[in-house]
C-alpha atoms as a PDB file:
ATOM      1  CA  MET A   1      95.432  76.985 122.189  1.00  0.00           C
ATOM      2  CA  ALA A   2      94.842  80.055 120.006  1.00  0.00           C
ATOM      3  CA  ALA A   3      91.969  82.116 120.659  1.00  0.00           C
ATOM      4  CA  GLY A   4      90.710  81.772 116.919  1.00  0.00           C
ATOM      5  CA  GLU A   5      90.760  77.938 117.301  1.00  0.00           C
ATOM      6  CA  SER A   6      88.923  77.984 120.466  1.00  0.00           C
ATOM      7  CA  SER A   7      86.240  80.219 119.009  1.00  0.00           C
ATOM      8  CA  GLY A   8      86.237  78.372 115.735  1.00  0.00           C
ATOM      9  CA  SER A   9      84.827  75.228 117.628  1.00  0.00           C
ATOM     10  CA  VAL A  10      81.751  77.162 118.448  1.00  0.00           C
ATOM     11  CA  VAL A  11      81.092  77.864 114.698  1.00  0.00           C
ATOM     12  CA  ARG A  12      82.196  74.361 113.664  1.00  0.00           C
ATOM     13  CA  ARG A  13      79.609  73.162 116.128  1.00  0.00           C
ATOM     14  CA  ILE A  14      76.807  75.273 114.522  1.00  0.00           C
ATOM     15  CA  LEU A  15      78.124  74.351 110.938  1.00  0.00           C
ATOM     16  CA  LEU A  16      78.247  70.601 111.747  1.00  0.00           C
ATOM     17  CA  GLY A  17      74.493  70.846 113.207  1.00  0.00           C
ATOM     18  CA  SER A  18      73.063  72.818 110.346  1.00  0.00           C
ATOM     19  CA  GLN A  19      74.566  70.204 107.913  1.00  0.00           C
ATOM     20  CA  LEU A  20      73.148  67.305 110.157  1.00  0.00           C
ATOM     21  CA  ARG A  21      69.721  68.972 109.660  1.00  0.00           C
ATOM     22  CA  ARG A  22      69.917  69.486 106.111  1.00  0.00           C
ATOM     23  CA  LEU A  23      70.930  65.860 105.435  1.00  0.00           C
ATOM     24  CA  ARG A  24      67.838  64.833 107.679  1.00  0.00           C
ATOM     25  CA  GLU A  25      65.225  66.859 106.286  1.00  0.00           C
ATOM     26  CA  ASP A  26      66.568  65.752 102.543  1.00  0.00           C
ATOM     27  CA  ARG A  27      65.934  62.177 103.686  1.00  0.00           C
ATOM     28  CA  GLY A  28      62.268  63.041 105.208  1.00  0.00           C
ATOM     29  CA  ILE A  29      63.420  61.767 108.612  1.00  0.00           C
ATOM     30  CA  THR A  30      61.937  63.188 111.547  1.00  0.00           C
ATOM     31  CA  ARG A  31      63.847  64.118 114.455  1.00  0.00           C
ATOM     32  CA  GLU A  32      62.205  61.420 116.775  1.00  0.00           C
ATOM     33  CA  ALA A  33      63.127  58.709 114.501  1.00  0.00           C
ATOM     34  CA  ALA A  34      67.151  60.434 114.287  1.00  0.00           C
ATOM     35  CA  GLY A  35      66.987  60.453 117.942  1.00  0.00           C
ATOM     36  CA  TYR A  36      65.636  56.534 118.237  1.00  0.00           C
ATOM     37  CA  SER A  37      68.496  55.860 116.354  1.00  0.00           C
ATOM     38  CA  ILE A  38      71.162  57.196 118.526  1.00  0.00           C
ATOM     39  CA  ARG A  39      69.272  56.319 121.602  1.00  0.00           C
ATOM     40  CA  ALA A  40      68.351  59.688 122.506  1.00  0.00           C
ATOM     41  CA  SER A  41      65.389  61.977 122.847  1.00  0.00           C
ATOM     42  CA  GLU A  42      63.991  64.355 119.815  1.00  0.00           C
ATOM     43  CA  SER A  43      65.049  67.256 121.940  1.00  0.00           C
ATOM     44  CA  LYS A  44      69.134  65.678 121.829  1.00  0.00           C
ATOM     45  CA  ILE A  45      68.512  65.885 118.102  1.00  0.00           C
ATOM     46  CA  SER A  46      67.225  69.473 118.287  1.00  0.00           C
ATOM     47  CA  ARG A  47      70.093  70.599 120.407  1.00  0.00           C
ATOM     48  CA  MET A  48      72.625  68.793 118.093  1.00  0.00           C
ATOM     49  CA  GLU A  49      71.082  70.608 115.026  1.00  0.00           C
ATOM     50  CA  LEU A  50      71.264  73.920 116.995  1.00  0.00           C
ATOM     51  CA  GLY A  51      75.070  73.546 117.840  1.00  0.00           C
ATOM     52  CA  ARG A  52      74.254  73.781 121.455  1.00  0.00           C
ATOM     53  CA  VAL A  53      75.778  70.355 122.565  1.00  0.00           C
ATOM     54  CA  SER A  54      79.190  68.242 122.073  1.00  0.00           C
ATOM     55  CA  PHE A  55      79.023  65.500 119.785  1.00  0.00           C
ATOM     56  CA  LYS A  56      79.624  62.135 120.213  1.00  0.00           C
ATOM     57  CA  ALA A  57      81.804  60.325 117.325  1.00  0.00           C
ATOM     58  CA  ARG A  58      79.378  57.225 117.641  1.00  0.00           C
ATOM     59  CA  ASP A  59      76.367  59.287 117.188  1.00  0.00           C
ATOM     60  CA  ILE A  60      77.370  60.975 114.221  1.00  0.00           C
ATOM     61  CA  GLU A  61      78.482  57.641 112.698  1.00  0.00           C
ATOM     62  CA  ASP A  62      75.169  56.441 113.407  1.00  0.00           C
ATOM     63  CA  LEU A  63      73.236  59.503 112.026  1.00  0.00           C
ATOM     64  CA  LEU A  64      75.080  59.483 108.875  1.00  0.00           C
ATOM     65  CA  THR A  65      74.323  55.728 107.884  1.00  0.00           C
ATOM     66  CA  LEU A  66      70.655  56.591 108.672  1.00  0.00           C
ATOM     67  CA  TYR A  67      70.718  59.505 106.267  1.00  0.00           C
ATOM     68  CA  GLY A  68      72.335  57.412 103.859  1.00  0.00           C
ATOM     69  CA  VAL A  69      76.025  59.017 103.543  1.00  0.00           C
ATOM     70  CA  THR A  70      78.013  56.265 102.876  1.00  0.00           C
ATOM     71  CA  ASP A  71      80.966  58.012 100.725  1.00  0.00           C
ATOM     72  CA  ASP A  72      84.053  57.669 103.057  1.00  0.00           C
ATOM     73  CA  ALA A  73      85.365  61.029 102.158  1.00  0.00           C
ATOM     74  CA  GLU A  74      82.186  62.767 103.297  1.00  0.00           C
ATOM     75  CA  ARG A  75      81.764  60.906 106.489  1.00  0.00           C
ATOM     76  CA  ALA A  76      85.595  61.427 107.279  1.00  0.00           C
ATOM     77  CA  ALA A  77      84.932  65.252 106.933  1.00  0.00           C
ATOM     78  CA  LEU A  78      81.999  65.455 108.954  1.00  0.00           C
ATOM     79  CA  LEU A  79      83.641  63.310 111.897  1.00  0.00           C
ATOM     80  CA  GLY A  80      86.668  65.694 111.592  1.00  0.00           C
ATOM     81  CA  LEU A  81      84.261  68.582 111.929  1.00  0.00           C
ATOM     82  CA  ALA A  82      82.840  67.040 114.965  1.00  0.00           C
ATOM     83  CA  ARG A  83      86.226  66.386 116.592  1.00  0.00           C
ATOM     84  CA  GLU A  84      87.137  69.928 116.010  1.00  0.00           C
ATOM     85  CA  ALA A  85      83.870  70.938 117.405  1.00  0.00           C
ATOM     86  CA  ASN A  86      84.606  69.610 120.771  1.00  0.00           C
ATOM     87  CA  VAL A  87      87.459  71.517 121.519  1.00  0.00           C
ATOM     88  CA  ALA A  88      87.102  73.428 124.550  1.00  0.00           C
ATOM     89  CA  GLY A  89      87.499  77.288 124.173  1.00  0.00           C
ATOM     90  CA  TRP A  90      89.799  79.624 126.317  1.00  0.00           C
ATOM     91  CA  TRP A  91      86.675  80.709 128.228  1.00  0.00           C
ATOM     92  CA  HIS A  92      85.857  77.372 129.562  1.00  0.00           C
ATOM     93  CA  SER A  93      88.438  77.840 132.173  1.00  0.00           C
ATOM     94  CA  TYR A  94      85.769  80.784 133.468  1.00  0.00           C
ATOM     95  CA  GLY A  95      82.831  78.458 133.671  1.00  0.00           C
ATOM     96  CA  ASP A  96      82.599  79.324 137.548  1.00  0.00           C
ATOM     97  CA  VAL A  97      81.665  82.841 136.587  1.00  0.00           C
ATOM     98  CA  LEU A  98      80.386  82.236 132.861  1.00  0.00           C
ATOM     99  CA  PRO A  99      76.727  81.027 132.411  1.00  0.00           C
ATOM    100  CA  GLY A 100      76.303  78.339 129.916  1.00  0.00           C
ATOM    101  CA  TRP A 101      74.041  80.733 127.606  1.00  0.00           C
ATOM    102  CA  PHE A 102      76.794  83.193 127.761  1.00  0.00           C
ATOM    103  CA  GLN A 103      79.700  80.819 126.643  1.00  0.00           C
ATOM    104  CA  THR A 104      77.871  80.390 123.170  1.00  0.00           C
ATOM    105  CA  TYR A 105      78.219  83.983 122.879  1.00  0.00           C
ATOM    106  CA  VAL A 106      81.649  84.302 123.615  1.00  0.00           C
ATOM    107  CA  GLY A 107      82.724  81.544 121.138  1.00  0.00           C
ATOM    108  CA  LEU A 108      80.818  83.370 118.667  1.00  0.00           C
ATOM    109  CA  GLU A 109      82.080  86.617 119.138  1.00  0.00           C
ATOM    110  CA  GLY A 110      85.565  85.138 118.860  1.00  0.00           C
ATOM    111  CA  ALA A 111      84.800  83.900 115.785  1.00  0.00           C
ATOM    112  CA  ALA A 112      83.138  86.890 113.940  1.00  0.00           C
ATOM    113  CA  SER A 113      84.559  88.669 111.091  1.00  0.00           C
ATOM    114  CA  ASP A 114      81.914  91.700 111.605  1.00  0.00           C
ATOM    115  CA  ILE A 115      80.226  92.669 114.897  1.00  0.00           C
ATOM    116  CA  ALA A 116      77.810  95.785 114.928  1.00  0.00           C
ATOM    117  CA  CYS A 117      75.658  96.530 118.012  1.00  0.00           C
ATOM    118  CA  TYR A 118      73.747  99.065 119.744  1.00  0.00           C
ATOM    119  CA  GLU A 119      74.289  99.778 123.539  1.00  0.00           C
ATOM    120  CA  VAL A 120      71.972 101.994 126.067  1.00  0.00           C
ATOM    121  CA  GLN A 121      72.894 100.874 129.495  1.00  0.00           C
ATOM    122  CA  PHE A 122      76.503 100.346 129.321  1.00  0.00           C
ATOM    123  CA  ILE A 123      79.617 100.912 127.610  1.00  0.00           C
ATOM    124  CA  HIS A 124      79.852  97.681 125.262  1.00  0.00           C
ATOM    125  CA  GLY A 125      81.914  95.057 127.117  1.00  0.00           C
ATOM    126  CA  LEU A 126      84.687  95.174 124.544  1.00  0.00           C
ATOM    127  CA  LEU A 127      85.249  98.835 125.426  1.00  0.00           C
ATOM    128  CA  GLN A 128      85.141  98.924 128.885  1.00  0.00           C
ATOM    129  CA  THR A 129      88.488  99.730 131.177  1.00  0.00           C
ATOM    130  CA  GLU A 130      89.339  97.528 133.796  1.00  0.00           C
ATOM    131  CA  GLY A 131      87.945 100.154 136.496  1.00  0.00           C
ATOM    132  CA  TYR A 132      84.658 100.528 134.793  1.00  0.00           C
ATOM    133  CA  ALA A 133      84.162  96.919 134.222  1.00  0.00           C
ATOM    134  CA  HIS A 134      85.137  96.393 138.130  1.00  0.00           C
ATOM    135  CA  ALA A 135      82.194  98.988 138.851  1.00  0.00           C
ATOM    136  CA  VAL A 136      79.632  97.452 136.437  1.00  0.00           C
ATOM    137  CA  VAL A 137      80.170  94.029 137.692  1.00  0.00           C
ATOM    138  CA  THR A 138      80.015  95.132 141.483  1.00  0.00           C
ATOM    139  CA  ARG A 139      76.651  97.064 140.751  1.00  0.00           C
ATOM    140  CA  GLY A 140      75.380  93.955 138.974  1.00  0.00           C
ATOM    141  CA  GLN A 141      76.560  91.174 141.427  1.00  0.00           C
ATOM    142  CA  PRO A 142      76.260  92.968 144.855  1.00  0.00           C
ATOM    143  CA  GLN A 143      76.676  89.532 146.497  1.00  0.00           C
ATOM    144  CA  ALA A 144      79.541  88.439 144.737  1.00  0.00           C
ATOM    145  CA  CYS A 145      83.046  88.206 146.609  1.00  0.00           C
ATOM    146  CA  SER A 146      85.921  90.075 145.700  1.00  0.00           C
ATOM    147  CA  ASP A 147      87.557  86.923 144.054  1.00  0.00           C
ATOM    148  CA  GLU A 148      84.405  86.321 141.726  1.00  0.00           C
ATOM    149  CA  VAL A 149      84.374  90.305 140.789  1.00  0.00           C
ATOM    150  CA  ASP A 150      88.177  89.826 139.895  1.00  0.00           C
ATOM    151  CA  ARG A 151      87.353  86.752 137.717  1.00  0.00           C
ATOM    152  CA  ARG A 152      84.161  88.475 135.899  1.00  0.00           C
ATOM    153  CA  VAL A 153      86.554  91.455 135.129  1.00  0.00           C
ATOM    154  CA  ALA A 154      89.460  89.386 133.910  1.00  0.00           C
ATOM    155  CA  LEU A 155      87.089  87.635 131.524  1.00  0.00           C
ATOM    156  CA  ARG A 156      85.994  90.869 130.037  1.00  0.00           C
ATOM    157  CA  LEU A 157      89.387  92.165 129.518  1.00  0.00           C
ATOM    158  CA  GLU A 158      90.402  88.791 128.183  1.00  0.00           C
ATOM    159  CA  ARG A 159      87.430  89.240 125.557  1.00  0.00           C
ATOM    160  CA  GLN A 160      88.925  92.519 124.405  1.00  0.00           C
ATOM    161  CA  LYS A 161      92.205  90.941 123.232  1.00  0.00           C
ATOM    162  CA  LEU A 162      89.973  90.000 120.029  1.00  0.00           C
ATOM    163  CA  LEU A 163      90.027  93.937 118.770  1.00  0.00           C
ATOM    164  CA  VAL A 164      93.835  94.029 118.510  1.00  0.00           C
ATOM    165  CA  SER A 165      94.396  90.574 117.431  1.00  0.00           C
ATOM    166  CA  GLU A 166      95.528  89.406 113.852  1.00  0.00           C
ATOM    167  CA  ARG A 167      92.208  88.520 113.064  1.00  0.00           C
ATOM    168  CA  ALA A 168      90.406  91.331 114.561  1.00  0.00           C
ATOM    169  CA  PRO A 169      86.618  91.847 113.225  1.00  0.00           C
ATOM    170  CA  ALA A 170      85.316  95.194 111.925  1.00  0.00           C
ATOM    171  CA  PHE A 171      83.782  96.517 114.909  1.00  0.00           C
ATOM    172  CA  HIS A 172      80.659  98.818 114.602  1.00  0.00           C
ATOM    173  CA  VAL A 173      79.132 100.176 117.992  1.00  0.00           C
ATOM    174  CA  VAL A 174      76.494 102.526 118.453  1.00  0.00           C
ATOM    175  CA  LEU A 175      76.341 103.846 121.961  1.00  0.00           C
ATOM    176  CA  ASP A 176      73.262 105.846 123.677  1.00  0.00           C
ATOM    177  CA  GLU A 177      74.229 109.055 124.862  1.00  0.00           C
ATOM    178  CA  ALA A 178      72.785 107.861 128.305  1.00  0.00           C
ATOM    179  CA  ALA A 179      75.944 104.995 128.535  1.00  0.00           C
ATOM    180  CA  LEU A 180      78.060 107.790 128.454  1.00  0.00           C
ATOM    181  CA  ARG A 181      76.193 109.693 130.855  1.00  0.00           C
ATOM    182  CA  ARG A 182      75.242 107.168 133.478  1.00  0.00           C
ATOM    183  CA  PRO A 183      78.298 107.073 136.008  1.00  0.00           C
ATOM    184  CA  TYR A 184      79.947 103.618 137.111  1.00  0.00           C
ATOM    185  CA  GLY A 185      82.608 104.259 139.753  1.00  0.00           C
ATOM    186  CA  GLY A 186      83.895 107.570 140.535  1.00  0.00           C
ATOM    187  CA  ARG A 187      84.501 110.576 138.640  1.00  0.00           C
ATOM    188  CA  GLY A 188      88.408 109.182 137.859  1.00  0.00           C
ATOM    189  CA  VAL A 189      86.949 105.818 136.572  1.00  0.00           C
ATOM    190  CA  MET A 190      84.314 107.538 134.287  1.00  0.00           C
ATOM    191  CA  SER A 191      87.213 110.104 132.783  1.00  0.00           C
ATOM    192  CA  ALA A 192      89.346 106.983 132.282  1.00  0.00           C
ATOM    193  CA  GLN A 193      86.483 105.135 130.479  1.00  0.00           C
ATOM    194  CA  LEU A 194      85.770 108.098 128.187  1.00  0.00           C
ATOM    195  CA  ARG A 195      89.583 108.667 127.275  1.00  0.00           C
ATOM    196  CA  HIS A 196      89.921 105.139 126.608  1.00  0.00           C
ATOM    197  CA  LEU A 197      86.826 105.483 124.059  1.00  0.00           C
ATOM    198  CA  VAL A 198      88.122 108.280 122.301  1.00  0.00           C
ATOM    199  CA  THR A 199      91.432 106.351 121.798  1.00  0.00           C
ATOM    200  CA  VAL A 200      90.057 102.843 120.610  1.00  0.00           C
ATOM    201  CA  SER A 201      87.510 104.839 118.168  1.00  0.00           C
ATOM    202  CA  GLU A 202      90.567 105.766 116.217  1.00  0.00           C
ATOM    203  CA  GLN A 203      91.199 102.208 115.489  1.00  0.00           C
ATOM    204  CA  GLN A 204      90.935 101.381 111.878  1.00  0.00           C
ATOM    205  CA  ASN A 205      88.816  98.368 112.455  1.00  0.00           C
ATOM    206  CA  VAL A 206      86.525 100.171 115.141  1.00  0.00           C
ATOM    207  CA  ARG A 207      83.674 102.584 113.990  1.00  0.00           C
ATOM    208  CA  LEU A 208      82.137 104.250 117.172  1.00  0.00           C
ATOM    209  CA  GLN A 209      78.948 106.413 116.865  1.00  0.00           C
ATOM    210  CA  VAL A 210      76.961 108.053 119.643  1.00  0.00           C
ATOM    211  CA  MET A 211      73.194 108.403 119.398  1.00  0.00           C
ATOM    212  CA  PRO A 212      72.780 111.782 121.081  1.00  0.00           C
ATOM    213  CA  PHE A 213      69.808 112.790 123.109  1.00  0.00           C
ATOM    214  CA  SER A 214      69.080 115.745 120.909  1.00  0.00           C
ATOM    215  CA  PHE A 215      67.575 113.299 118.296  1.00  0.00           C
ATOM    216  CA  GLY A 216      64.908 112.049 120.517  1.00  0.00           C
ATOM    217  CA  GLY A 217      63.101 108.929 119.466  1.00  0.00           C
ATOM    218  CA  HIS A 218      64.877 106.487 117.332  1.00  0.00           C
ATOM    219  CA  ALA A 219      65.270 103.033 115.659  1.00  0.00           C
ATOM    220  CA  GLY A 220      66.618 101.309 118.791  1.00  0.00           C
ATOM    221  CA  GLU A 221      63.573 101.536 120.684  1.00  0.00           C
ATOM    222  CA  SER A 222      63.804  97.717 121.535  1.00  0.00           C
ATOM    223  CA  GLY A 223      67.076  97.923 123.722  1.00  0.00           C
ATOM    224  CA  ALA A 224      70.552  96.465 123.009  1.00  0.00           C
ATOM    225  CA  PHE A 225      71.456  94.122 120.884  1.00  0.00           C
ATOM    226  CA  THR A 226      74.372  92.627 118.882  1.00  0.00           C
ATOM    227  CA  ARG A 227      74.537  91.221 115.204  1.00  0.00           C
ATOM    228  CA  LEU A 228      77.335  89.084 114.432  1.00  0.00           C
ATOM    229  CA  ARG A 229      78.768  88.026 110.822  1.00  0.00           C
ATOM    230  CA  PHE A 230      81.104  85.370 109.965  1.00  0.00           C
ATOM    231  CA  PRO A 231      83.521  84.418 107.258  1.00  0.00           C
ATOM    232  CA  GLU A 232      81.989  80.891 106.694  1.00  0.00           C
ATOM    233  CA  SER A 233      79.607  81.136 104.151  1.00  0.00           C
ATOM    234  CA  ASP A 234      77.288  78.440 105.609  1.00  0.00           C
ATOM    235  CA  LEU A 235      77.239  80.432 108.846  1.00  0.00           C
ATOM    236  CA  PRO A 236      74.143  82.766 108.839  1.00  0.00           C
ATOM    237  CA  ASP A 237      74.031  86.071 110.510  1.00  0.00           C
ATOM    238  CA  ILE A 238      73.112  85.876 114.229  1.00  0.00           C
ATOM    239  CA  VAL A 239      71.611  88.439 116.474  1.00  0.00           C
ATOM    240  CA  TYR A 240      72.172  88.105 119.894  1.00  0.00           C
ATOM    241  CA  LEU A 241      69.630  89.637 122.609  1.00  0.00           C
ATOM    242  CA  GLU A 242      70.871  89.274 126.383  1.00  0.00           C
ATOM    243  CA  GLN A 243      68.103  88.822 129.037  1.00  0.00           C
ATOM    244  CA  LEU A 244      68.692  88.707 132.617  1.00  0.00           C
ATOM    245  CA  THR A 245      69.200  84.840 133.095  1.00  0.00           C
ATOM    246  CA  SER A 246      69.453  83.888 129.443  1.00  0.00           C
ATOM    247  CA  ALA A 247      69.673  84.764 125.826  1.00  0.00           C
ATOM    248  CA  LEU A 248      68.419  84.774 122.513  1.00  0.00           C
ATOM    249  CA  TYR A 249      69.861  83.867 119.352  1.00  0.00           C
ATOM    250  CA  LEU A 250      68.164  84.750 116.158  1.00  0.00           C
ATOM    251  CA  ASP A 251      69.257  83.484 112.883  1.00  0.00           C
ATOM    252  CA  LYS A 252      66.246  83.377 110.586  1.00  0.00           C
ATOM    253  CA  ARG A 253      66.803  85.563 107.907  1.00  0.00           C
ATOM    254  CA  ASP A 254      63.712  87.697 108.026  1.00  0.00           C
ATOM    255  CA  GLU A 255      64.375  88.519 111.736  1.00  0.00           C
ATOM    256  CA  VAL A 256      68.142  89.266 111.076  1.00  0.00           C
ATOM    257  CA  ALA A 257      67.249  91.624 108.235  1.00  0.00           C
ATOM    258  CA  HIS A 258      65.053  93.521 110.258  1.00  0.00           C
ATOM    259  CA  TYR A 259      67.588  94.290 113.074  1.00  0.00           C
ATOM    260  CA  GLU A 260      70.117  94.966 110.142  1.00  0.00           C
ATOM    261  CA  ARG A 261      67.877  97.637 108.907  1.00  0.00           C
ATOM    262  CA  VAL A 262      67.587  99.130 112.634  1.00  0.00           C
ATOM    263  CA  LEU A 263      71.553  99.299 112.510  1.00  0.00           C
ATOM    264  CA  GLU A 264      71.342 101.081 109.248  1.00  0.00           C
ATOM    265  CA  ARG A 265      69.210 103.787 110.685  1.00  0.00           C
ATOM    266  CA  LEU A 266      71.086 103.936 113.864  1.00  0.00           C
ATOM    267  CA  GLY A 267      74.286 104.656 111.936  1.00  0.00           C
ATOM    268  CA  ALA A 268      72.599 107.194 109.684  1.00  0.00           C
ATOM    269  CA  ASP A 269      70.961 108.925 112.505  1.00  0.00           C
ATOM    270  CA  SER A 270      73.563 108.964 115.181  1.00  0.00           C
ATOM    271  CA  LEU A 271      76.566 111.435 115.220  1.00  0.00           C
ATOM    272  CA  SER A 272      79.261 110.437 112.639  1.00  0.00           C
ATOM    273  CA  PRO A 273      82.613 109.128 114.312  1.00  0.00           C
ATOM    274  CA  GLU A 274      84.483 112.402 113.937  1.00  0.00           C
ATOM    275  CA  GLU A 275      80.961 114.068 115.956  1.00  0.00           C
ATOM    276  CA  SER A 276      81.111 111.367 118.275  1.00  0.00           C
ATOM    277  CA  ARG A 277      84.841 111.736 119.489  1.00  0.00           C
ATOM    278  CA  ASP A 278      84.093 115.695 119.872  1.00  0.00           C
ATOM    279  CA  LEU A 279      80.885 114.854 122.240  1.00  0.00           C
ATOM    280  CA  LEU A 280      83.318 112.395 124.124  1.00  0.00           C
ATOM    281  CA  ARG A 281      85.829 115.256 124.319  1.00  0.00           C
ATOM    282  CA  GLY A 282      83.239 117.534 125.584  1.00  0.00           C
ATOM    283  CA  LEU A 283      82.264 115.194 128.397  1.00  0.00           C
ATOM    284  CA  LEU A 284      85.611 114.638 129.600  1.00  0.00           C
ATOM    285  CA  HIS A 285      86.058 118.501 129.889  1.00  0.00           C
ATOM    286  CA  ASP A 286      82.957 118.669 131.793  1.00  0.00           C
ATOM    287  CA  ALA A 287      83.993 115.703 134.057  1.00  0.00           C
END
């Protein structure tokens, strides 16, 4: 299965959920009533509409009937979307080391056409070398056995194929200088990581900037975040905020707009891509 197809299943799930929500609201039907019609709870309808669960064809058929969708072509299109949304992504084979809340992110990341983010603690996962990733995972999961560490690192390296794929997204990353100076692994690991950043920053689809210590306080005061944008016009931009044991996915227009303004300010206040490469080379020289 192609990575684009499996990643697209997450997007289709969200698209179908949003269309079901629109149809329900247009008919003035409550989530509770919709849940009753498919022998489920109100919370199940909420999860369906947010695209967080798989879909049963029978449930979709019953909901479409409840919502007054009788046109055969429209019903067939939505049922087809449900089938595509249930396709398992490549990352499901890593389910033993991949929490459910992060599976959604991996799917959205793979389907995005534009990714922008700010990182302060680590080098972004899409830019980590194998040695650096191994050091990060080992530090973060001190109880993990070597096989589990290897699986987590392999998952991270698999995600990175996105940046060199035929449908590679535009990727804008602002790295706080702290992420560059905080050592993970030995000197050789950090030197290899810095060299990798210099190389990958020269890719046409990558814009890498560094927020230097010398700037002082800046717009990224709330910490790391990622904004995802998709080619599908029906899918809103999403801001991803990772926590220790869960994550938040923000899609309300005003909230996303606030993060977009922060990204703009970070981009304007950080070193330019050329200046950022010079800083990276300087760190390499001092390593």
